Amino acid sequence: MDKDFLTDKVIGCAIEVHRELGPGLLESSYEQCLLYELAQAGIKVKAQVALPVVYKGVDINAGYRIDILIPGQLIIELKAVEKLQPIHTAQMITYLKLSGIKKGLLINFNETRLVDGLKRIVL
């Protein structure tokens, strides 16, 4: 995927959080700190956004939530796991399809070097 200004800015904010906290915390801790950094960078986001499944024209509240959403532009899915797995990529692709957003960013904070836990996804 070609890099772009927005994802580069988000990654910079995530690196700052990781620099301060390091690996080993819960995903929710990283989420709150990343929300703070994004706000400081002037990026307007929404957190824990419900994502319904539309089945035969009916919205089904299946309990899916986008960790961080930059409306109309980017989905940010946070993890604090040993390694990103194919299921995490599949989850992001599903979120992108359901939302109509084209770009997603998976960030796994449980890495010694955050760059090893980053994955950009474009539909």
N, C-alpha and C. Protein backbone atom coordinates (compact mmCIF):
# COMPACT_ATOMS: atom_id res chain seq x y z
N MET A 1 0.85 -1.18 0.00
CA MET A 1 0.00 0.00 0.00
C MET A 1 0.89 1.24 0.00
N ASP A 2 0.52 2.20 -0.78
CA ASP A 2 1.24 3.47 -0.76
C ASP A 2 0.98 4.15 0.58
N LYS A 3 2.03 4.73 1.11
CA LYS A 3 1.87 5.48 2.35
C LYS A 3 1.14 6.78 2.03
N ASP A 4 0.47 7.31 3.02
CA ASP A 4 -0.16 8.61 2.84
C ASP A 4 0.00 9.42 4.12
N PHE A 5 -0.28 10.71 4.02
CA PHE A 5 -0.06 11.61 5.13
C PHE A 5 -0.83 11.19 6.38
N LEU A 6 -2.11 10.85 6.22
CA LEU A 6 -2.94 10.51 7.39
C LEU A 6 -2.43 9.28 8.12
N THR A 7 -2.18 8.19 7.39
CA THR A 7 -1.70 6.99 8.08
C THR A 7 -0.31 7.22 8.67
N ASP A 8 0.52 8.00 7.99
CA ASP A 8 1.83 8.32 8.55
C ASP A 8 1.69 9.09 9.87
N LYS A 9 0.75 10.02 9.92
CA LYS A 9 0.53 10.80 11.14
C LYS A 9 0.02 9.90 12.27
N VAL A 10 -0.92 9.01 11.95
CA VAL A 10 -1.44 8.07 12.97
C VAL A 10 -0.33 7.17 13.47
N ILE A 11 0.49 6.67 12.57
CA ILE A 11 1.61 5.81 12.97
C ILE A 11 2.58 6.58 13.87
N GLY A 12 2.84 7.82 13.54
CA GLY A 12 3.70 8.64 14.40
C GLY A 12 3.14 8.78 15.80
N CYS A 13 1.84 8.98 15.90
CA CYS A 13 1.18 9.07 17.21
C CYS A 13 1.28 7.74 17.96
N ALA A 14 1.08 6.64 17.23
CA ALA A 14 1.16 5.31 17.85
C ALA A 14 2.59 5.04 18.34
N ILE A 15 3.57 5.44 17.57
CA ILE A 15 4.97 5.25 17.98
C ILE A 15 5.25 6.04 19.26
N GLU A 16 4.71 7.24 19.36
CA GLU A 16 4.88 8.04 20.58
C GLU A 16 4.28 7.33 21.78
N VAL A 17 3.10 6.77 21.63
CA VAL A 17 2.46 6.02 22.73
C VAL A 17 3.33 4.82 23.10
N HIS A 18 3.80 4.10 22.10
CA HIS A 18 4.61 2.91 22.36
C HIS A 18 5.94 3.28 23.02
N ARG A 19 6.51 4.40 22.61
CA ARG A 19 7.76 4.88 23.22
C ARG A 19 7.57 5.15 24.72
N GLU A 20 6.44 5.74 25.05
CA GLU A 20 6.15 6.09 26.45
C GLU A 20 5.79 4.87 27.30
N LEU A 21 4.98 3.96 26.73
CA LEU A 21 4.43 2.86 27.52
C LEU A 21 5.13 1.53 27.34
N GLY A 22 5.67 1.29 26.13
CA GLY A 22 6.26 -0.01 25.83
C GLY A 22 5.19 -1.08 25.68
N PRO A 23 5.60 -2.32 25.41
CA PRO A 23 4.64 -3.42 25.27
C PRO A 23 4.19 -3.94 26.63
N GLY A 24 3.12 -4.75 26.62
CA GLY A 24 2.73 -5.47 27.83
C GLY A 24 1.48 -4.99 28.53
N LEU A 25 0.86 -3.91 28.05
CA LEU A 25 -0.36 -3.41 28.69
C LEU A 25 -1.59 -3.91 27.95
N LEU A 26 -2.75 -3.60 28.49
CA LEU A 26 -4.00 -3.95 27.85
C LEU A 26 -4.27 -3.03 26.67
N GLU A 27 -4.99 -3.55 25.70
CA GLU A 27 -5.37 -2.77 24.51
C GLU A 27 -6.07 -1.47 24.89
N SER A 28 -6.92 -1.52 25.91
CA SER A 28 -7.68 -0.32 26.30
C SER A 28 -6.77 0.81 26.77
N SER A 29 -5.65 0.49 27.38
CA SER A 29 -4.70 1.52 27.81
C SER A 29 -4.08 2.21 26.60
N TYR A 30 -3.67 1.42 25.63
CA TYR A 30 -3.10 1.99 24.41
C TYR A 30 -4.13 2.83 23.66
N GLU A 31 -5.37 2.35 23.65
CA GLU A 31 -6.43 3.10 22.95
C GLU A 31 -6.60 4.49 23.54
N GLN A 32 -6.69 4.59 24.85
CA GLN A 32 -6.90 5.89 25.48
C GLN A 32 -5.72 6.83 25.23
N CYS A 33 -4.51 6.29 25.29
CA CYS A 33 -3.33 7.11 25.05
C CYS A 33 -3.23 7.53 23.59
N LEU A 34 -3.58 6.63 22.66
CA LEU A 34 -3.56 6.99 21.25
C LEU A 34 -4.62 8.03 20.94
N LEU A 35 -5.79 7.92 21.56
CA LEU A 35 -6.83 8.94 21.38
C LEU A 35 -6.31 10.30 21.81
N TYR A 36 -5.59 10.34 22.92
CA TYR A 36 -5.00 11.59 23.40
C TYR A 36 -4.01 12.15 22.37
N GLU A 37 -3.11 11.30 21.88
CA GLU A 37 -2.10 11.75 20.91
C GLU A 37 -2.74 12.23 19.61
N LEU A 38 -3.76 11.53 19.15
CA LEU A 38 -4.44 11.94 17.92
C LEU A 38 -5.11 13.30 18.11
N ALA A 39 -5.72 13.50 19.26
CA ALA A 39 -6.36 14.80 19.55
C ALA A 39 -5.30 15.90 19.58
N GLN A 40 -4.15 15.62 20.18
CA GLN A 40 -3.07 16.60 20.24
C GLN A 40 -2.56 16.94 18.84
N ALA A 41 -2.66 15.97 17.93
CA ALA A 41 -2.22 16.18 16.55
C ALA A 41 -3.30 16.84 15.70
N GLY A 42 -4.46 17.12 16.31
CA GLY A 42 -5.54 17.78 15.58
C GLY A 42 -6.35 16.86 14.69
N ILE A 43 -6.27 15.56 14.94
CA ILE A 43 -7.01 14.58 14.14
C ILE A 43 -8.31 14.24 14.86
N LYS A 44 -9.42 14.49 14.20
CA LYS A 44 -10.74 14.23 14.78
C LYS A 44 -11.09 12.76 14.59
N VAL A 45 -11.37 12.10 15.70
CA VAL A 45 -11.66 10.67 15.66
C VAL A 45 -12.89 10.35 16.50
N LYS A 46 -13.39 9.15 16.30
CA LYS A 46 -14.44 8.58 17.13
C LYS A 46 -13.92 7.25 17.65
N ALA A 47 -14.27 6.93 18.89
CA ALA A 47 -13.80 5.69 19.50
C ALA A 47 -14.96 4.73 19.74
N GLN A 48 -14.66 3.45 19.63
CA GLN A 48 -15.62 2.38 19.91
C GLN A 48 -16.94 2.61 19.16
N VAL A 49 -16.83 2.72 17.85
CA VAL A 49 -17.98 3.00 16.99
C VAL A 49 -18.67 1.69 16.63
N ALA A 50 -19.98 1.62 16.91
CA ALA A 50 -20.75 0.42 16.58
C ALA A 50 -20.77 0.23 15.07
N LEU A 51 -20.64 -1.01 14.64
CA LEU A 51 -20.64 -1.34 13.23
C LEU A 51 -21.68 -2.43 12.98
N PRO A 52 -22.87 -2.04 12.52
CA PRO A 52 -23.90 -3.05 12.30
C PRO A 52 -23.62 -3.88 11.05
N VAL A 53 -24.17 -5.06 11.05
CA VAL A 53 -24.15 -5.91 9.87
C VAL A 53 -25.49 -5.71 9.18
N VAL A 54 -25.47 -5.41 7.88
CA VAL A 54 -26.71 -5.26 7.14
C VAL A 54 -27.00 -6.60 6.46
N TYR A 55 -28.09 -7.22 6.88
CA TYR A 55 -28.48 -8.52 6.36
C TYR A 55 -29.85 -8.41 5.73
N LYS A 56 -29.91 -8.61 4.42
CA LYS A 56 -31.16 -8.50 3.67
C LYS A 56 -31.87 -7.19 3.95
N GLY A 57 -31.06 -6.11 4.00
CA GLY A 57 -31.61 -4.78 4.19
C GLY A 57 -31.93 -4.41 5.62
N VAL A 58 -31.61 -5.28 6.56
CA VAL A 58 -31.90 -5.02 7.97
C VAL A 58 -30.59 -4.86 8.74
N ASP A 59 -30.49 -3.78 9.54
CA ASP A 59 -29.32 -3.60 10.39
C ASP A 59 -29.38 -4.58 11.55
N ILE A 60 -28.35 -5.40 11.64
CA ILE A 60 -28.24 -6.38 12.72
C ILE A 60 -27.14 -5.91 13.67
N ASN A 61 -27.51 -5.64 14.91
CA ASN A 61 -26.52 -5.24 15.89
C ASN A 61 -25.83 -6.50 16.38
N ALA A 62 -24.67 -6.79 15.77
CA ALA A 62 -23.94 -8.01 16.10
C ALA A 62 -22.83 -7.76 17.12
N GLY A 63 -22.75 -6.54 17.64
CA GLY A 63 -21.76 -6.24 18.67
C GLY A 63 -20.38 -5.87 18.15
N TYR A 64 -20.25 -5.66 16.84
CA TYR A 64 -18.95 -5.25 16.31
C TYR A 64 -18.70 -3.79 16.62
N ARG A 65 -17.44 -3.48 16.97
CA ARG A 65 -17.05 -2.11 17.28
C ARG A 65 -15.71 -1.81 16.64
N ILE A 66 -15.65 -0.66 16.02
CA ILE A 66 -14.38 -0.16 15.47
C ILE A 66 -13.66 0.53 16.61
N ASP A 67 -12.40 0.16 16.85
CA ASP A 67 -11.65 0.77 17.95
C ASP A 67 -11.57 2.29 17.78
N ILE A 68 -11.00 2.72 16.66
CA ILE A 68 -10.87 4.16 16.39
C ILE A 68 -11.23 4.39 14.92
N LEU A 69 -12.05 5.39 14.69
CA LEU A 69 -12.50 5.72 13.34
C LEU A 69 -12.19 7.17 13.04
N ILE A 70 -11.54 7.39 11.92
CA ILE A 70 -11.43 8.73 11.37
C ILE A 70 -12.50 8.75 10.28
N PRO A 71 -13.65 9.38 10.59
CA PRO A 71 -14.83 9.24 9.74
C PRO A 71 -14.56 9.43 8.25
N GLY A 72 -15.00 8.43 7.48
CA GLY A 72 -14.90 8.47 6.03
C GLY A 72 -13.51 8.23 5.47
N GLN A 73 -12.51 8.04 6.35
CA GLN A 73 -11.13 7.96 5.87
C GLN A 73 -10.35 6.72 6.29
N LEU A 74 -10.43 6.37 7.58
CA LEU A 74 -9.51 5.35 8.08
C LEU A 74 -10.10 4.65 9.31
N ILE A 75 -9.95 3.31 9.32
CA ILE A 75 -10.27 2.51 10.50
C ILE A 75 -8.96 2.11 11.16
N ILE A 76 -8.87 2.30 12.46
CA ILE A 76 -7.68 1.91 13.22
C ILE A 76 -8.11 0.82 14.19
N GLU A 77 -7.53 -0.35 14.04
CA GLU A 77 -7.83 -1.48 14.89
C GLU A 77 -6.60 -1.78 15.74
N LEU A 78 -6.78 -1.74 17.05
CA LEU A 78 -5.66 -1.92 17.97
C LEU A 78 -5.64 -3.34 18.52
N LYS A 79 -4.45 -3.83 18.74
CA LYS A 79 -4.24 -5.15 19.32
C LYS A 79 -3.12 -5.05 20.34
N ALA A 80 -3.15 -5.99 21.29
CA ALA A 80 -2.06 -6.17 22.24
C ALA A 80 -1.88 -7.69 22.37
N VAL A 81 -1.38 -8.28 21.28
CA VAL A 81 -1.26 -9.73 21.18
C VAL A 81 0.18 -10.11 20.86
N GLU A 82 0.48 -11.40 20.99
CA GLU A 82 1.85 -11.85 20.73
C GLU A 82 2.28 -11.50 19.31
N LYS A 83 1.47 -11.82 18.33
CA LYS A 83 1.74 -11.50 16.92
C LYS A 83 0.41 -11.29 16.22
N LEU A 84 0.39 -10.39 15.23
CA LEU A 84 -0.79 -10.25 14.39
C LEU A 84 -0.99 -11.56 13.62
N GLN A 85 -2.23 -11.99 13.54
CA GLN A 85 -2.58 -13.24 12.87
C GLN A 85 -3.46 -12.95 11.66
N PRO A 86 -3.60 -13.92 10.77
CA PRO A 86 -4.48 -13.73 9.61
C PRO A 86 -5.91 -13.36 9.99
N ILE A 87 -6.40 -13.82 11.12
CA ILE A 87 -7.76 -13.47 11.55
C ILE A 87 -7.90 -11.97 11.81
N HIS A 88 -6.82 -11.32 12.25
CA HIS A 88 -6.86 -9.88 12.48
C HIS A 88 -6.99 -9.13 11.16
N THR A 89 -6.29 -9.61 10.14
CA THR A 89 -6.41 -9.01 8.81
C THR A 89 -7.82 -9.23 8.27
N ALA A 90 -8.34 -10.45 8.44
CA ALA A 90 -9.70 -10.75 7.99
C ALA A 90 -10.72 -9.86 8.69
N GLN A 91 -10.54 -9.63 9.98
CA GLN A 91 -11.43 -8.75 10.74
C GLN A 91 -11.40 -7.34 10.14
N MET A 92 -10.21 -6.83 9.86
CA MET A 92 -10.10 -5.50 9.30
C MET A 92 -10.77 -5.41 7.93
N ILE A 93 -10.54 -6.40 7.09
CA ILE A 93 -11.16 -6.41 5.76
C ILE A 93 -12.68 -6.40 5.88
N THR A 94 -13.21 -7.17 6.81
CA THR A 94 -14.66 -7.18 7.05
C THR A 94 -15.14 -5.82 7.51
N TYR A 95 -14.44 -5.20 8.43
CA TYR A 95 -14.82 -3.87 8.91
C TYR A 95 -14.81 -2.85 7.77
N LEU A 96 -13.80 -2.94 6.91
CA LEU A 96 -13.72 -2.02 5.77
C LEU A 96 -14.91 -2.23 4.84
N LYS A 97 -15.23 -3.47 4.54
CA LYS A 97 -16.35 -3.76 3.65
C LYS A 97 -17.67 -3.28 4.25
N LEU A 98 -17.89 -3.57 5.53
CA LEU A 98 -19.15 -3.19 6.18
C LEU A 98 -19.31 -1.67 6.29
N SER A 99 -18.20 -0.97 6.47
CA SER A 99 -18.25 0.48 6.68
C SER A 99 -18.19 1.28 5.38
N GLY A 100 -17.67 0.67 4.31
CA GLY A 100 -17.48 1.39 3.07
C GLY A 100 -16.20 2.23 3.04
N ILE A 101 -15.41 2.13 4.07
CA ILE A 101 -14.13 2.85 4.14
C ILE A 101 -13.08 2.00 3.43
N LYS A 102 -12.15 2.64 2.78
CA LYS A 102 -11.18 1.93 1.93
C LYS A 102 -9.85 1.61 2.61
N LYS A 103 -9.50 2.33 3.69
CA LYS A 103 -8.19 2.14 4.32
C LYS A 103 -8.31 1.76 5.78
N GLY A 104 -7.44 0.83 6.18
CA GLY A 104 -7.39 0.42 7.57
C GLY A 104 -5.96 0.28 8.04
N LEU A 105 -5.78 0.40 9.34
CA LEU A 105 -4.47 0.30 9.95
C LEU A 105 -4.58 -0.60 11.17
N LEU A 106 -3.88 -1.72 11.14
CA LEU A 106 -3.78 -2.62 12.30
C LEU A 106 -2.53 -2.24 13.07
N ILE A 107 -2.67 -2.07 14.38
CA ILE A 107 -1.51 -1.70 15.21
C ILE A 107 -1.46 -2.65 16.40
N ASN A 108 -0.39 -3.44 16.48
CA ASN A 108 -0.18 -4.34 17.62
C ASN A 108 0.87 -3.73 18.54
N PHE A 109 0.43 -3.26 19.69
CA PHE A 109 1.32 -2.60 20.64
C PHE A 109 2.19 -3.57 21.42
N ASN A 110 1.93 -4.87 21.32
CA ASN A 110 2.69 -5.84 22.09
C ASN A 110 3.91 -6.34 21.32
N GLU A 111 4.64 -5.42 20.75
CA GLU A 111 5.88 -5.70 20.02
C GLU A 111 7.00 -4.87 20.63
N THR A 112 8.20 -5.39 20.58
CA THR A 112 9.35 -4.64 21.07
C THR A 112 9.56 -3.39 20.22
N ARG A 113 9.45 -3.57 18.90
CA ARG A 113 9.51 -2.44 17.95
C ARG A 113 8.14 -2.33 17.31
N LEU A 114 7.49 -1.21 17.49
CA LEU A 114 6.11 -1.06 17.00
C LEU A 114 6.01 -1.29 15.50
N VAL A 115 7.03 -0.91 14.74
CA VAL A 115 6.97 -1.09 13.28
C VAL A 115 6.76 -2.56 12.90
N ASP A 116 7.13 -3.48 13.77
CA ASP A 116 6.92 -4.90 13.50
C ASP A 116 5.46 -5.30 13.71
N GLY A 117 4.67 -4.42 14.32
CA GLY A 117 3.26 -4.72 14.59
C GLY A 117 2.31 -3.84 13.81
N LEU A 118 2.77 -3.26 12.71
CA LEU A 118 1.92 -2.38 11.88
C LEU A 118 1.56 -3.07 10.58
N LYS A 119 0.31 -2.90 10.19
CA LYS A 119 -0.13 -3.43 8.90
C LYS A 119 -1.16 -2.49 8.31
N ARG A 120 -0.88 -1.99 7.11
CA ARG A 120 -1.81 -1.14 6.37
C ARG A 120 -2.59 -2.03 5.42
N ILE A 121 -3.90 -1.78 5.35
CA ILE A 121 -4.78 -2.56 4.48
C ILE A 121 -5.63 -1.61 3.66
N VAL A 122 -5.68 -1.87 2.35
CA VAL A 122 -6.49 -1.06 1.45
C VAL A 122 -7.38 -1.98 0.63
N LEU A 123 -8.65 -1.62 0.52
CA LEU A 123 -9.56 -2.37 -0.35
C LEU A 123 -9.48 -1.83 -1.76
